[in-house]
Amino acid sequence: MEGIQISLSKVGARRDVALFRVRGYLDTQTCAEMLREMTAVLKQGIFHVIVDMGQVNYVSSAGWGVFVGEIKGIRENGGDLKLVQMMPEVYDVFEMLEFHRILECYDSIEEAIDDFDLSIGLDVTKSVFQAFPARENGSPAVAVTPPPVNRPTSLRESDGSRSKAARPSFTKLKINEHALPFTEKIKSIVIGNPALNARKIRQELNTERFGYTRVSWWKVFQTLRMLNLATKEQRYRFYRSR
């Protein structure tokens, strides 16, 4: 049985996020080493933790137990533990065991770092970003995250002279989103919220709004790549173009 390799680095705008890169198997034989590495970081008072699972081929119940067992104490200290870049087969087990209700997971390291930086009130659009190489499961690297876009909801009047009656009125056609092709459903979700990643888009698809469309995370991710919407930057660019 293959062992485990763990490396640690500090990331984030303030270098206060512990990034563990894990390779191999996380099972009853190796989970003790993972726990030992995490405990050492937590004892240093670092409670913002990211675990890169991009090269983890298997996680047993004991392996998941390391993360689930530590999450309460981490959050009680104002931190969080985020998992990133899980392989499709690992994510399927993660979801089947319903750990997605306890732990947050992200498509890329950058998205997880952004969330930590935002949680401490930093403007991530002015931060220095790192570009991380793609993992073997095909997850793309993202170098920058564009600023949030505030879309206008109504016509603005500069002098207040125009009356409401003078404004043109439009009737928006109601679209039956149940019947949309799969790619159009994804585009509709991105237009509604470009910050959603592939896993959250998958969850949104499986709602009444989209006819409870059930697909694998990998299919959503591959479709996003085909539509050039795999990165947050691409999704915001598409959002602004509509």
C-alpha atoms as a PDB file:
ATOM      1  CA  MET A   1       0.000   0.000   0.000  1.00  0.00           C
ATOM      2  CA  GLU A   2       1.332   3.393  -0.961  1.00  0.00           C
ATOM      3  CA  GLY A   3       2.173   5.725   1.896  1.00  0.00           C
ATOM      4  CA  ILE A   4       1.623   9.431   2.234  1.00  0.00           C
ATOM      5  CA  GLN A   5       3.684  12.536   1.514  1.00  0.00           C
ATOM      6  CA  ILE A   6       2.782  15.838   3.145  1.00  0.00           C
ATOM      7  CA  SER A   7       4.331  19.251   2.530  1.00  0.00           C
ATOM      8  CA  LEU A   8       3.440  22.496   4.279  1.00  0.00           C
ATOM      9  CA  SER A   9       3.624  26.099   3.105  1.00  0.00           C
ATOM     10  CA  LYS A  10       2.132  29.419   4.220  1.00  0.00           C
ATOM     11  CA  VAL A  11      -0.134  31.253   1.775  1.00  0.00           C
ATOM     12  CA  GLY A  12      -2.652  34.093   1.747  1.00  0.00           C
ATOM     13  CA  ALA A  13      -2.118  37.849   1.645  1.00  0.00           C
ATOM     14  CA  ARG A  14      -0.749  37.743   5.200  1.00  0.00           C
ATOM     15  CA  ARG A  15       0.839  34.305   4.907  1.00  0.00           C
ATOM     16  CA  ASP A  16      -1.411  33.162   7.745  1.00  0.00           C
ATOM     17  CA  VAL A  17      -3.009  30.217   5.931  1.00  0.00           C
ATOM     18  CA  ALA A  18      -1.454  26.766   6.272  1.00  0.00           C
ATOM     19  CA  LEU A  19      -1.510  24.904   2.956  1.00  0.00           C
ATOM     20  CA  PHE A  20      -0.962  21.148   3.177  1.00  0.00           C
ATOM     21  CA  ARG A  21      -0.181  19.383  -0.092  1.00  0.00           C
ATOM     22  CA  VAL A  22      -0.966  15.709   0.324  1.00  0.00           C
ATOM     23  CA  ARG A  23       0.026  12.862  -1.983  1.00  0.00           C
ATOM     24  CA  GLY A  24      -0.834   9.175  -1.793  1.00  0.00           C
ATOM     25  CA  TYR A  25      -3.374   7.406   0.390  1.00  0.00           C
ATOM     26  CA  LEU A  26      -5.068   8.683   3.542  1.00  0.00           C
ATOM     27  CA  ASP A  27      -6.072   5.563   5.449  1.00  0.00           C
ATOM     28  CA  THR A  28      -5.710   3.900   8.844  1.00  0.00           C
ATOM     29  CA  GLN A  29      -1.950   3.534   8.299  1.00  0.00           C
ATOM     30  CA  THR A  30      -1.266   7.137   7.279  1.00  0.00           C
ATOM     31  CA  CYS A  31      -3.947   9.252   8.977  1.00  0.00           C
ATOM     32  CA  ALA A  32      -1.857   9.508  12.160  1.00  0.00           C
ATOM     33  CA  GLU A  33       0.829  11.371  10.221  1.00  0.00           C
ATOM     34  CA  MET A  34      -1.752  13.753   8.769  1.00  0.00           C
ATOM     35  CA  LEU A  35      -3.151  14.385  12.234  1.00  0.00           C
ATOM     36  CA  ARG A  36       0.344  14.975  13.647  1.00  0.00           C
ATOM     37  CA  GLU A  37       1.133  17.564  10.951  1.00  0.00           C
ATOM     38  CA  MET A  38      -2.175  19.383  11.476  1.00  0.00           C
ATOM     39  CA  THR A  39      -1.854  19.369  15.260  1.00  0.00           C
ATOM     40  CA  ALA A  40       1.599  20.961  15.032  1.00  0.00           C
ATOM     41  CA  VAL A  41       0.177  23.822  12.939  1.00  0.00           C
ATOM     42  CA  LEU A  42      -2.818  24.343  15.231  1.00  0.00           C
ATOM     43  CA  LYS A  43      -0.497  24.532  18.259  1.00  0.00           C
ATOM     44  CA  GLN A  44       1.222  27.468  16.530  1.00  0.00           C
ATOM     45  CA  GLY A  45      -2.110  29.321  16.609  1.00  0.00           C
ATOM     46  CA  ILE A  46      -2.767  28.932  12.872  1.00  0.00           C
ATOM     47  CA  PHE A  47      -6.412  28.051  12.347  1.00  0.00           C
ATOM     48  CA  HIS A  48      -6.807  28.823   8.651  1.00  0.00           C
ATOM     49  CA  VAL A  49      -6.055  25.497   6.981  1.00  0.00           C
ATOM     50  CA  ILE A  50      -6.249  24.318   3.364  1.00  0.00           C
ATOM     51  CA  VAL A  51      -5.649  20.702   2.393  1.00  0.00           C
ATOM     52  CA  ASP A  52      -4.802  20.147  -1.274  1.00  0.00           C
ATOM     53  CA  MET A  53      -6.239  16.727  -2.171  1.00  0.00           C
ATOM     54  CA  GLY A  54      -5.295  16.881  -5.840  1.00  0.00           C
ATOM     55  CA  GLN A  55      -2.925  13.906  -5.557  1.00  0.00           C
ATOM     56  CA  VAL A  56      -4.789  11.866  -2.967  1.00  0.00           C
ATOM     57  CA  ASN A  57      -6.044   8.665  -4.589  1.00  0.00           C
ATOM     58  CA  TYR A  58      -7.972   7.197  -1.667  1.00  0.00           C
ATOM     59  CA  VAL A  59      -9.408   8.340   1.678  1.00  0.00           C
ATOM     60  CA  SER A  60     -10.727   5.846   4.220  1.00  0.00           C
ATOM     61  CA  SER A  61     -13.231   6.590   6.976  1.00  0.00           C
ATOM     62  CA  ALA A  62     -10.275   7.025   9.347  1.00  0.00           C
ATOM     63  CA  GLY A  63      -8.785   9.570   6.965  1.00  0.00           C
ATOM     64  CA  TRP A  64     -12.002  11.593   6.797  1.00  0.00           C
ATOM     65  CA  GLY A  65     -12.123  11.337  10.587  1.00  0.00           C
ATOM     66  CA  VAL A  66      -8.940  13.419  10.878  1.00  0.00           C
ATOM     67  CA  PHE A  67     -10.640  16.398   9.238  1.00  0.00           C
ATOM     68  CA  VAL A  68     -14.074  15.956  10.805  1.00  0.00           C
ATOM     69  CA  GLY A  69     -12.557  15.444  14.250  1.00  0.00           C
ATOM     70  CA  GLU A  70     -10.566  18.691  14.105  1.00  0.00           C
ATOM     71  CA  ILE A  71     -13.094  20.990  12.446  1.00  0.00           C
ATOM     72  CA  LYS A  72     -15.046  21.875  15.614  1.00  0.00           C
ATOM     73  CA  GLY A  73     -11.950  23.055  17.512  1.00  0.00           C
ATOM     74  CA  ILE A  74     -10.676  24.943  14.474  1.00  0.00           C
ATOM     75  CA  ARG A  75     -13.950  26.844  14.049  1.00  0.00           C
ATOM     76  CA  GLU A  76     -14.196  27.567  17.752  1.00  0.00           C
ATOM     77  CA  ASN A  77     -10.895  29.416  17.341  1.00  0.00           C
ATOM     78  CA  GLY A  78     -12.246  31.498  14.471  1.00  0.00           C
ATOM     79  CA  GLY A  79     -10.713  29.429  11.698  1.00  0.00           C
ATOM     80  CA  ASP A  80     -11.767  26.849   9.157  1.00  0.00           C
ATOM     81  CA  LEU A  81     -10.477  23.866   7.231  1.00  0.00           C
ATOM     82  CA  LYS A  82     -11.036  23.786   3.474  1.00  0.00           C
ATOM     83  CA  LEU A  83     -10.418  20.863   1.129  1.00  0.00           C
ATOM     84  CA  VAL A  84      -9.457  21.562  -2.489  1.00  0.00           C
ATOM     85  CA  GLN A  85      -9.008  19.784  -5.822  1.00  0.00           C
ATOM     86  CA  MET A  86     -10.422  16.410  -4.827  1.00  0.00           C
ATOM     87  CA  MET A  87     -10.321  13.743  -7.509  1.00  0.00           C
ATOM     88  CA  PRO A  88     -13.789  12.742  -8.790  1.00  0.00           C
ATOM     89  CA  GLU A  89     -13.737   9.293  -7.173  1.00  0.00           C
ATOM     90  CA  VAL A  90     -12.641  10.749  -3.822  1.00  0.00           C
ATOM     91  CA  TYR A  91     -15.272  13.485  -4.013  1.00  0.00           C
ATOM     92  CA  ASP A  92     -18.004  10.931  -4.762  1.00  0.00           C
ATOM     93  CA  VAL A  93     -17.260   9.139  -1.470  1.00  0.00           C
ATOM     94  CA  PHE A  94     -16.990  12.486   0.338  1.00  0.00           C
ATOM     95  CA  GLU A  95     -20.470  13.409  -0.853  1.00  0.00           C
ATOM     96  CA  MET A  96     -21.936   9.958  -0.307  1.00  0.00           C
ATOM     97  CA  LEU A  97     -20.866  10.113   3.348  1.00  0.00           C
ATOM     98  CA  GLU A  98     -22.404  13.625   3.487  1.00  0.00           C
ATOM     99  CA  PHE A  99     -19.192  15.211   4.716  1.00  0.00           C
ATOM    100  CA  HIS A 100     -19.918  18.054   2.273  1.00  0.00           C
ATOM    101  CA  ARG A 101     -22.436  19.205   4.885  1.00  0.00           C
ATOM    102  CA  ILE A 102     -19.599  19.613   7.403  1.00  0.00           C
ATOM    103  CA  LEU A 103     -16.510  20.545   5.382  1.00  0.00           C
ATOM    104  CA  GLU A 104     -16.176  23.022   2.546  1.00  0.00           C
ATOM    105  CA  CYS A 105     -14.430  22.003  -0.654  1.00  0.00           C
ATOM    106  CA  TYR A 106     -13.205  24.107  -3.570  1.00  0.00           C
ATOM    107  CA  ASP A 107     -12.122  23.529  -7.148  1.00  0.00           C
ATOM    108  CA  SER A 108      -8.876  25.473  -6.735  1.00  0.00           C
ATOM    109  CA  ILE A 109      -6.435  26.595  -4.069  1.00  0.00           C
ATOM    110  CA  GLU A 110      -6.935  30.222  -5.102  1.00  0.00           C
ATOM    111  CA  GLU A 111     -10.651  30.176  -4.359  1.00  0.00           C
ATOM    112  CA  ALA A 112     -10.037  28.801  -0.866  1.00  0.00           C
ATOM    113  CA  ILE A 113      -7.343  31.420  -0.190  1.00  0.00           C
ATOM    114  CA  ASP A 114      -9.660  34.192  -1.397  1.00  0.00           C
ATOM    115  CA  ASP A 115     -12.346  33.083   1.056  1.00  0.00           C
ATOM    116  CA  PHE A 116      -9.890  33.212   3.944  1.00  0.00           C
ATOM    117  CA  ASP A 117      -8.613  36.645   2.924  1.00  0.00           C
ATOM    118  CA  LEU A 118     -12.173  37.932   2.562  1.00  0.00           C
ATOM    119  CA  SER A 119     -13.085  36.549   5.993  1.00  0.00           C
ATOM    120  CA  ILE A 120     -10.522  38.853   7.626  1.00  0.00           C
ATOM    121  CA  GLY A 121     -11.716  41.874   5.656  1.00  0.00           C
ATOM    122  CA  LEU A 122      -8.986  42.065   3.029  1.00  0.00           C
ATOM    123  CA  ASP A 123      -9.668  43.367  -0.471  1.00  0.00           C
ATOM    124  CA  VAL A 124      -8.568  40.351  -2.482  1.00  0.00           C
ATOM    125  CA  THR A 125      -8.535  42.402  -5.681  1.00  0.00           C
ATOM    126  CA  LYS A 126      -5.491  44.239  -4.323  1.00  0.00           C
ATOM    127  CA  SER A 127      -3.703  41.223  -2.909  1.00  0.00           C
ATOM    128  CA  VAL A 128      -0.643  39.552  -4.372  1.00  0.00           C
ATOM    129  CA  PHE A 129      -1.806  36.291  -5.911  1.00  0.00           C
ATOM    130  CA  GLN A 130       0.116  33.099  -6.436  1.00  0.00           C
ATOM    131  CA  ALA A 131      -0.432  30.874  -9.471  1.00  0.00           C
ATOM    132  CA  PHE A 132      -0.565  27.188  -8.610  1.00  0.00           C
ATOM    133  CA  PRO A 133       0.035  24.531 -11.288  1.00  0.00           C
ATOM    134  CA  ALA A 134      -2.773  22.274 -12.429  1.00  0.00           C
ATOM    135  CA  ARG A 135      -3.075  18.924 -10.696  1.00  0.00           C
ATOM    136  CA  GLU A 136      -3.115  15.558 -12.353  1.00  0.00           C
ATOM    137  CA  ASN A 137      -6.934  15.448 -12.251  1.00  0.00           C
ATOM    138  CA  GLY A 138      -7.053  18.351 -14.693  1.00  0.00           C
ATOM    139  CA  SER A 139      -7.937  21.179 -12.310  1.00  0.00           C
ATOM    140  CA  PRO A 140      -6.836  24.446 -13.941  1.00  0.00           C
ATOM    141  CA  ALA A 141      -4.561  27.012 -12.387  1.00  0.00           C
ATOM    142  CA  VAL A 142      -5.966  30.442 -11.667  1.00  0.00           C
ATOM    143  CA  ALA A 143      -3.700  33.455 -11.355  1.00  0.00           C
ATOM    144  CA  VAL A 144      -6.114  36.222 -10.508  1.00  0.00           C
ATOM    145  CA  THR A 145      -9.598  36.770  -9.228  1.00  0.00           C
ATOM    146  CA  PRO A 146     -11.527  39.695 -10.703  1.00  0.00           C
ATOM    147  CA  PRO A 147     -13.347  42.102  -8.450  1.00  0.00           C
ATOM    148  CA  PRO A 148     -17.036  41.596  -7.719  1.00  0.00           C
ATOM    149  CA  VAL A 149     -19.298  43.183 -10.245  1.00  0.00           C
ATOM    150  CA  ASN A 150     -22.266  45.279  -9.169  1.00  0.00           C
ATOM    151  CA  ARG A 151     -24.816  45.075 -11.907  1.00  0.00           C
ATOM    152  CA  PRO A 152     -27.322  47.925 -12.146  1.00  0.00           C
ATOM    153  CA  THR A 153     -30.880  46.956 -11.393  1.00  0.00           C
ATOM    154  CA  SER A 154     -32.602  50.034 -12.726  1.00  0.00           C
ATOM    155  CA  LEU A 155     -32.070  53.078 -14.901  1.00  0.00           C
ATOM    156  CA  ARG A 156     -30.374  55.887 -13.032  1.00  0.00           C
ATOM    157  CA  GLU A 157     -31.486  59.492 -13.573  1.00  0.00           C
ATOM    158  CA  SER A 158     -28.811  62.117 -13.285  1.00  0.00           C
ATOM    159  CA  ASP A 159     -31.096  65.087 -12.725  1.00  0.00           C
ATOM    160  CA  GLY A 160     -34.266  63.404 -11.490  1.00  0.00           C
ATOM    161  CA  SER A 161     -36.264  65.168 -14.196  1.00  0.00           C
ATOM    162  CA  ARG A 162     -37.601  62.063 -15.924  1.00  0.00           C
ATOM    163  CA  SER A 163     -40.776  60.662 -14.515  1.00  0.00           C
ATOM    164  CA  LYS A 164     -41.507  56.983 -14.089  1.00  0.00           C
ATOM    165  CA  ALA A 165     -44.153  57.240 -16.768  1.00  0.00           C
ATOM    166  CA  ALA A 166     -41.531  58.413 -19.250  1.00  0.00           C
ATOM    167  CA  ARG A 167     -39.366  55.356 -18.743  1.00  0.00           C
ATOM    168  CA  PRO A 168     -39.726  52.521 -21.219  1.00  0.00           C
ATOM    169  CA  SER A 169     -41.199  49.385 -19.760  1.00  0.00           C
ATOM    170  CA  PHE A 170     -40.105  45.895 -20.685  1.00  0.00           C
ATOM    171  CA  THR A 171     -41.725  42.559 -20.078  1.00  0.00           C
ATOM    172  CA  LYS A 172     -39.177  39.852 -19.406  1.00  0.00           C
ATOM    173  CA  LEU A 173     -40.090  36.578 -21.023  1.00  0.00           C
ATOM    174  CA  LYS A 174     -40.362  33.767 -18.523  1.00  0.00           C
ATOM    175  CA  ILE A 175     -38.086  30.887 -19.471  1.00  0.00           C
ATOM    176  CA  ASN A 176     -38.831  27.330 -18.452  1.00  0.00           C
ATOM    177  CA  GLU A 177     -35.395  26.487 -17.065  1.00  0.00           C
ATOM    178  CA  HIS A 178     -36.440  22.847 -16.601  1.00  0.00           C
ATOM    179  CA  ALA A 179     -36.404  22.413 -20.373  1.00  0.00           C
ATOM    180  CA  LEU A 180     -33.116  24.192 -21.096  1.00  0.00           C
ATOM    181  CA  PRO A 181     -30.255  22.164 -22.589  1.00  0.00           C
ATOM    182  CA  PHE A 182     -27.638  21.169 -20.027  1.00  0.00           C
ATOM    183  CA  THR A 183     -25.086  23.747 -21.206  1.00  0.00           C
ATOM    184  CA  GLU A 184     -27.700  26.525 -21.070  1.00  0.00           C
ATOM    185  CA  LYS A 185     -28.610  25.581 -17.514  1.00  0.00           C
ATOM    186  CA  ILE A 186     -24.972  26.002 -16.532  1.00  0.00           C
ATOM    187  CA  LYS A 187     -24.765  29.364 -18.293  1.00  0.00           C
ATOM    188  CA  SER A 188     -27.913  30.497 -16.499  1.00  0.00           C
ATOM    189  CA  ILE A 189     -26.396  29.600 -13.127  1.00  0.00           C
ATOM    190  CA  VAL A 190     -23.140  31.407 -13.953  1.00  0.00           C
ATOM    191  CA  ILE A 191     -25.054  34.541 -14.996  1.00  0.00           C
ATOM    192  CA  GLY A 192     -26.932  34.423 -11.692  1.00  0.00           C
ATOM    193  CA  ASN A 193     -23.790  33.979  -9.592  1.00  0.00           C
ATOM    194  CA  PRO A 194     -20.355  33.760 -11.273  1.00  0.00           C
ATOM    195  CA  ALA A 195     -18.664  33.069  -7.934  1.00  0.00           C
ATOM    196  CA  LEU A 196     -20.077  29.525  -7.787  1.00  0.00           C
ATOM    197  CA  ASN A 197     -17.576  26.774  -8.536  1.00  0.00           C
ATOM    198  CA  ALA A 198     -18.266  23.449 -10.262  1.00  0.00           C
ATOM    199  CA  ARG A 199     -19.385  21.677  -7.116  1.00  0.00           C
ATOM    200  CA  LYS A 200     -21.799  24.423  -6.108  1.00  0.00           C
ATOM    201  CA  ILE A 201     -23.103  24.628  -9.692  1.00  0.00           C
ATOM    202  CA  ARG A 202     -23.758  20.890  -9.493  1.00  0.00           C
ATOM    203  CA  GLN A 203     -25.768  21.413  -6.311  1.00  0.00           C
ATOM    204  CA  GLU A 204     -27.741  24.222  -7.943  1.00  0.00           C
ATOM    205  CA  LEU A 205     -28.572  21.984 -10.912  1.00  0.00           C
ATOM    206  CA  ASN A 206     -30.134  19.462  -8.548  1.00  0.00           C
ATOM    207  CA  THR A 207     -32.908  21.858  -7.476  1.00  0.00           C
ATOM    208  CA  GLU A 208     -36.514  22.350  -8.506  1.00  0.00           C
ATOM    209  CA  ARG A 209     -35.524  25.380 -10.584  1.00  0.00           C
ATOM    210  CA  PHE A 210     -33.553  23.173 -13.002  1.00  0.00           C
ATOM    211  CA  GLY A 211     -35.732  20.077 -12.799  1.00  0.00           C
ATOM    212  CA  TYR A 212     -33.499  18.274 -10.314  1.00  0.00           C
ATOM    213  CA  THR A 213     -30.770  17.658 -12.877  1.00  0.00           C
ATOM    214  CA  ARG A 214     -28.444  15.053 -11.353  1.00  0.00           C
ATOM    215  CA  VAL A 215     -24.965  14.816 -12.871  1.00  0.00           C
ATOM    216  CA  SER A 216     -21.475  14.117 -11.588  1.00  0.00           C
ATOM    217  CA  TRP A 217     -19.192  16.911 -10.496  1.00  0.00           C
ATOM    218  CA  TRP A 218     -16.735  15.804 -13.167  1.00  0.00           C
ATOM    219  CA  LYS A 219     -19.313  16.293 -15.943  1.00  0.00           C
ATOM    220  CA  VAL A 220     -20.032  19.822 -14.687  1.00  0.00           C
ATOM    221  CA  PHE A 221     -16.334  20.611 -14.545  1.00  0.00           C
ATOM    222  CA  GLN A 222     -15.694  19.237 -18.047  1.00  0.00           C
ATOM    223  CA  THR A 223     -18.652  21.228 -19.392  1.00  0.00           C
ATOM    224  CA  LEU A 224     -17.330  24.409 -17.794  1.00  0.00           C
ATOM    225  CA  ARG A 225     -13.981  23.790 -19.477  1.00  0.00           C
ATOM    226  CA  MET A 226     -15.692  23.259 -22.828  1.00  0.00           C
ATOM    227  CA  LEU A 227     -17.578  26.549 -22.384  1.00  0.00           C
ATOM    228  CA  ASN A 228     -14.403  28.378 -21.271  1.00  0.00           C
ATOM    229  CA  LEU A 229     -15.973  28.939 -17.850  1.00  0.00           C
ATOM    230  CA  ALA A 230     -13.712  26.730 -15.736  1.00  0.00           C
ATOM    231  CA  THR A 231     -12.051  29.564 -13.811  1.00  0.00           C
ATOM    232  CA  LYS A 232     -13.626  32.275 -11.712  1.00  0.00           C
ATOM    233  CA  GLU A 233     -12.030  34.893 -13.954  1.00  0.00           C
ATOM    234  CA  GLN A 234     -13.677  33.344 -17.027  1.00  0.00           C
ATOM    235  CA  ARG A 235     -17.045  33.155 -15.296  1.00  0.00           C
ATOM    236  CA  TYR A 236     -16.917  36.827 -14.263  1.00  0.00           C
ATOM    237  CA  ARG A 237     -15.913  37.812 -17.790  1.00  0.00           C
ATOM    238  CA  PHE A 238     -18.910  35.906 -19.164  1.00  0.00           C
ATOM    239  CA  TYR A 239     -21.140  37.485 -16.497  1.00  0.00           C
ATOM    240  CA  ARG A 240     -20.057  40.993 -17.462  1.00  0.00           C
ATOM    241  CA  SER A 241     -20.631  40.287 -21.152  1.00  0.00           C
ATOM    242  CA  ARG A 242     -24.306  39.486 -20.717  1.00  0.00           C
END
